Amino acid sequence: MSEPKGRGESAPEASGKQSMSSEYCSGDTCITCSDTAVQVTVVRLLADEMAVVDTGAGEETVSVALVTAGVGDTILVHASEAIAVTGR
């Protein structure tokens, strides 16, 4: 099994042709849901690896199961899932 490629990269297939990943992974939005990731600030932590965040336009509840985030941290959220801590 080959290693996954990063955004915009493609791996040659056995036939020598480029795979679809360069087309599939390009652009500014998620190919699956057309959503973008946004930076938000953690306001408070909740049970079950959830958090209330300030989006700048109000508060939302998101999952922080994939990251170690605390109150006051800036996190990157995509499809209601925190995917990175960008500032502490």
N, C-alpha and C. Protein backbone atom coordinates (compact mmCIF):
# COMPACT_ATOMS: atom_id res chain seq x y z
N MET A 1 0.85 -1.17 0.00
CA MET A 1 0.00 0.00 0.00
C MET A 1 0.90 1.23 0.00
N SER A 2 0.64 2.18 -0.84
CA SER A 2 1.49 3.36 -0.94
C SER A 2 1.10 4.39 0.11
N GLU A 3 2.03 5.28 0.41
CA GLU A 3 1.78 6.36 1.36
C GLU A 3 0.84 7.38 0.72
N PRO A 4 -0.07 7.97 1.49
CA PRO A 4 -0.96 8.99 0.92
C PRO A 4 -0.14 10.20 0.49
N LYS A 5 -0.57 10.84 -0.52
CA LYS A 5 0.10 12.03 -1.04
C LYS A 5 -0.55 13.27 -0.47
N GLY A 6 0.21 14.34 -0.39
CA GLY A 6 -0.30 15.62 0.09
C GLY A 6 -1.17 16.29 -0.95
N ARG A 7 -1.73 17.38 -0.58
CA ARG A 7 -2.63 18.14 -1.43
C ARG A 7 -1.93 18.54 -2.73
N GLY A 8 -2.55 18.21 -3.84
CA GLY A 8 -2.03 18.61 -5.13
C GLY A 8 -0.96 17.69 -5.68
N GLU A 9 -0.49 16.72 -4.91
CA GLU A 9 0.52 15.80 -5.39
C GLU A 9 -0.16 14.61 -6.04
N SER A 10 0.54 13.99 -6.94
CA SER A 10 0.01 12.78 -7.54
C SER A 10 1.12 11.77 -7.68
N ALA A 11 0.76 10.52 -7.62
CA ALA A 11 1.73 9.44 -7.76
C ALA A 11 1.54 8.77 -9.10
N PRO A 12 2.65 8.40 -9.77
CA PRO A 12 2.50 7.71 -11.04
C PRO A 12 1.89 6.33 -10.81
N GLU A 13 1.02 5.93 -11.67
CA GLU A 13 0.43 4.60 -11.63
C GLU A 13 1.40 3.63 -12.28
N ALA A 14 1.14 2.34 -12.16
CA ALA A 14 1.99 1.32 -12.76
C ALA A 14 2.10 1.50 -14.26
N SER A 15 1.06 2.03 -14.88
CA SER A 15 1.07 2.23 -16.33
C SER A 15 1.88 3.45 -16.74
N GLY A 16 2.37 4.22 -15.75
CA GLY A 16 3.12 5.43 -16.04
C GLY A 16 2.24 6.66 -16.10
N LYS A 17 0.92 6.49 -16.03
CA LYS A 17 0.00 7.62 -16.04
C LYS A 17 -0.10 8.23 -14.66
N GLN A 18 -0.43 9.50 -14.58
CA GLN A 18 -0.64 10.17 -13.30
C GLN A 18 -1.97 9.73 -12.72
N SER A 19 -2.03 9.60 -11.39
CA SER A 19 -3.30 9.27 -10.75
C SER A 19 -4.19 10.49 -10.74
N MET A 20 -5.43 10.31 -10.32
CA MET A 20 -6.39 11.41 -10.27
C MET A 20 -6.16 12.33 -9.09
N SER A 21 -5.24 12.01 -8.16
CA SER A 21 -5.15 12.80 -6.93
C SER A 21 -4.80 14.26 -7.18
N SER A 22 -4.07 14.59 -8.24
CA SER A 22 -3.76 15.99 -8.48
C SER A 22 -5.02 16.77 -8.84
N GLU A 23 -5.95 16.13 -9.54
CA GLU A 23 -7.23 16.78 -9.82
C GLU A 23 -8.13 16.71 -8.60
N TYR A 24 -8.14 15.58 -7.95
CA TYR A 24 -9.03 15.30 -6.84
C TYR A 24 -8.75 16.18 -5.63
N CYS A 25 -7.49 16.52 -5.37
CA CYS A 25 -7.10 17.24 -4.15
C CYS A 25 -6.76 18.70 -4.39
N SER A 26 -7.14 19.26 -5.48
CA SER A 26 -6.81 20.66 -5.72
C SER A 26 -7.99 21.54 -5.34
N GLY A 27 -7.73 22.82 -5.18
CA GLY A 27 -8.79 23.76 -4.84
C GLY A 27 -8.75 24.16 -3.37
N ASP A 28 -9.60 25.09 -3.02
CA ASP A 28 -9.62 25.64 -1.67
C ASP A 28 -10.66 25.02 -0.75
N THR A 29 -11.44 24.09 -1.24
CA THR A 29 -12.49 23.49 -0.43
C THR A 29 -12.37 21.98 -0.45
N CYS A 30 -13.00 21.34 0.52
CA CYS A 30 -13.01 19.88 0.63
C CYS A 30 -13.78 19.28 -0.54
N ILE A 31 -13.20 18.29 -1.19
CA ILE A 31 -13.84 17.64 -2.32
C ILE A 31 -15.10 16.90 -1.89
N THR A 32 -15.14 16.45 -0.63
CA THR A 32 -16.28 15.67 -0.14
C THR A 32 -17.48 16.53 0.20
N CYS A 33 -17.25 17.64 0.93
CA CYS A 33 -18.39 18.41 1.42
C CYS A 33 -18.41 19.87 0.99
N SER A 34 -17.42 20.31 0.23
CA SER A 34 -17.32 21.69 -0.25
C SER A 34 -17.18 22.70 0.89
N ASP A 35 -16.80 22.24 2.06
CA ASP A 35 -16.62 23.10 3.22
C ASP A 35 -15.17 23.56 3.29
N THR A 36 -14.91 24.64 4.00
CA THR A 36 -13.54 25.09 4.24
C THR A 36 -13.26 25.01 5.73
N ALA A 37 -11.99 24.95 6.08
CA ALA A 37 -11.59 24.96 7.48
C ALA A 37 -11.51 26.42 7.94
N VAL A 38 -11.92 26.68 9.20
CA VAL A 38 -11.90 28.03 9.74
C VAL A 38 -11.24 28.03 11.11
N GLN A 39 -10.60 29.15 11.44
CA GLN A 39 -10.00 29.30 12.76
C GLN A 39 -11.04 29.85 13.72
N VAL A 40 -11.11 29.24 14.89
CA VAL A 40 -12.03 29.65 15.94
C VAL A 40 -11.30 29.61 17.27
N THR A 41 -11.89 30.19 18.31
CA THR A 41 -11.29 30.19 19.63
C THR A 41 -12.13 29.35 20.59
N VAL A 42 -11.46 28.50 21.35
CA VAL A 42 -12.16 27.65 22.31
C VAL A 42 -12.63 28.50 23.49
N VAL A 43 -13.93 28.46 23.77
CA VAL A 43 -14.52 29.21 24.87
C VAL A 43 -14.60 28.34 26.12
N ARG A 44 -15.06 27.08 25.94
CA ARG A 44 -15.11 26.15 27.07
C ARG A 44 -15.13 24.72 26.55
N LEU A 45 -14.60 23.83 27.35
CA LEU A 45 -14.58 22.41 27.03
C LEU A 45 -15.81 21.74 27.62
N LEU A 46 -16.36 20.80 26.89
CA LEU A 46 -17.54 20.05 27.32
C LEU A 46 -17.17 18.57 27.46
N ALA A 47 -18.11 17.79 27.96
CA ALA A 47 -17.90 16.34 28.06
C ALA A 47 -17.83 15.73 26.66
N ASP A 48 -17.35 14.50 26.61
CA ASP A 48 -17.32 13.71 25.37
C ASP A 48 -16.49 14.36 24.27
N GLU A 49 -15.38 15.00 24.63
CA GLU A 49 -14.44 15.59 23.67
C GLU A 49 -15.09 16.63 22.75
N MET A 50 -15.96 17.43 23.32
CA MET A 50 -16.62 18.51 22.59
C MET A 50 -16.18 19.84 23.20
N ALA A 51 -16.36 20.93 22.45
CA ALA A 51 -16.01 22.25 22.94
C ALA A 51 -16.95 23.28 22.34
N VAL A 52 -17.19 24.34 23.10
CA VAL A 52 -17.90 25.51 22.58
C VAL A 52 -16.83 26.46 22.08
N VAL A 53 -17.00 26.94 20.84
CA VAL A 53 -16.01 27.83 20.23
C VAL A 53 -16.67 29.13 19.80
N ASP A 54 -15.86 30.19 19.75
CA ASP A 54 -16.30 31.49 19.24
C ASP A 54 -15.87 31.57 17.78
N THR A 55 -16.84 31.70 16.89
CA THR A 55 -16.54 31.76 15.46
C THR A 55 -16.34 33.19 14.96
N GLY A 56 -16.58 34.15 15.82
CA GLY A 56 -16.56 35.55 15.41
C GLY A 56 -17.95 36.02 15.02
N ALA A 57 -18.83 35.06 14.72
CA ALA A 57 -20.22 35.39 14.38
C ALA A 57 -21.17 34.74 15.38
N GLY A 58 -20.62 34.17 16.45
CA GLY A 58 -21.43 33.49 17.45
C GLY A 58 -20.70 32.28 17.98
N GLU A 59 -21.40 31.50 18.77
CA GLU A 59 -20.80 30.30 19.35
C GLU A 59 -21.35 29.06 18.68
N GLU A 60 -20.50 28.04 18.57
CA GLU A 60 -20.89 26.74 18.02
C GLU A 60 -20.24 25.66 18.86
N THR A 61 -20.78 24.46 18.81
CA THR A 61 -20.20 23.31 19.48
C THR A 61 -19.51 22.44 18.42
N VAL A 62 -18.25 22.08 18.69
CA VAL A 62 -17.48 21.26 17.76
C VAL A 62 -16.79 20.13 18.51
N SER A 63 -16.36 19.13 17.79
CA SER A 63 -15.60 18.03 18.37
C SER A 63 -14.12 18.43 18.45
N VAL A 64 -13.49 18.10 19.57
CA VAL A 64 -12.04 18.30 19.72
C VAL A 64 -11.35 16.96 19.97
N ALA A 65 -11.97 15.89 19.51
CA ALA A 65 -11.46 14.54 19.74
C ALA A 65 -10.11 14.29 19.08
N LEU A 66 -9.80 14.97 18.01
CA LEU A 66 -8.55 14.72 17.28
C LEU A 66 -7.39 15.60 17.71
N VAL A 67 -7.64 16.57 18.60
CA VAL A 67 -6.59 17.51 19.01
C VAL A 67 -6.58 17.65 20.53
N THR A 68 -5.51 18.20 21.04
CA THR A 68 -5.43 18.53 22.46
C THR A 68 -5.56 20.05 22.56
N ALA A 69 -6.76 20.50 22.85
CA ALA A 69 -7.04 21.94 22.89
C ALA A 69 -7.52 22.33 24.27
N GLY A 70 -7.25 23.57 24.64
CA GLY A 70 -7.70 24.12 25.90
C GLY A 70 -8.44 25.42 25.69
N VAL A 71 -9.04 25.91 26.73
CA VAL A 71 -9.76 27.19 26.68
C VAL A 71 -8.78 28.28 26.26
N GLY A 72 -9.19 29.09 25.32
CA GLY A 72 -8.36 30.18 24.81
C GLY A 72 -7.53 29.81 23.59
N ASP A 73 -7.40 28.52 23.28
CA ASP A 73 -6.64 28.09 22.11
C ASP A 73 -7.38 28.45 20.82
N THR A 74 -6.62 28.73 19.79
CA THR A 74 -7.18 28.90 18.45
C THR A 74 -7.03 27.57 17.75
N ILE A 75 -8.14 27.07 17.21
CA ILE A 75 -8.12 25.78 16.54
C ILE A 75 -8.65 25.92 15.11
N LEU A 76 -8.24 25.02 14.27
CA LEU A 76 -8.72 24.96 12.89
C LEU A 76 -9.81 23.91 12.85
N VAL A 77 -11.02 24.30 12.39
CA VAL A 77 -12.17 23.41 12.39
C VAL A 77 -12.67 23.21 10.97
N HIS A 78 -12.90 21.95 10.63
CA HIS A 78 -13.47 21.58 9.34
C HIS A 78 -14.61 20.62 9.58
N ALA A 79 -15.77 20.92 9.06
CA ALA A 79 -16.95 20.08 9.19
C ALA A 79 -17.24 19.74 10.65
N SER A 80 -17.16 20.76 11.52
CA SER A 80 -17.43 20.63 12.96
C SER A 80 -16.45 19.74 13.71
N GLU A 81 -15.28 19.50 13.13
CA GLU A 81 -14.23 18.69 13.76
C GLU A 81 -12.95 19.51 13.81
N ALA A 82 -12.38 19.70 15.01
CA ALA A 82 -11.10 20.38 15.14
C ALA A 82 -10.03 19.49 14.53
N ILE A 83 -9.22 20.07 13.62
CA ILE A 83 -8.19 19.28 12.96
C ILE A 83 -6.78 19.74 13.30
N ALA A 84 -6.65 20.88 13.98
CA ALA A 84 -5.33 21.37 14.38
C ALA A 84 -5.47 22.47 15.41
N VAL A 85 -4.47 22.59 16.28
CA VAL A 85 -4.35 23.74 17.18
C VAL A 85 -3.37 24.68 16.52
N THR A 86 -3.81 25.90 16.25
CA THR A 86 -2.94 26.85 15.54
C THR A 86 -2.36 27.92 16.44
N GLY A 87 -2.85 28.04 17.66
CA GLY A 87 -2.33 29.02 18.60
C GLY A 87 -2.76 28.72 20.01
N ARG A 88 -1.87 28.99 20.93
CA ARG A 88 -2.16 28.76 22.35
C ARG A 88 -2.04 30.06 23.09
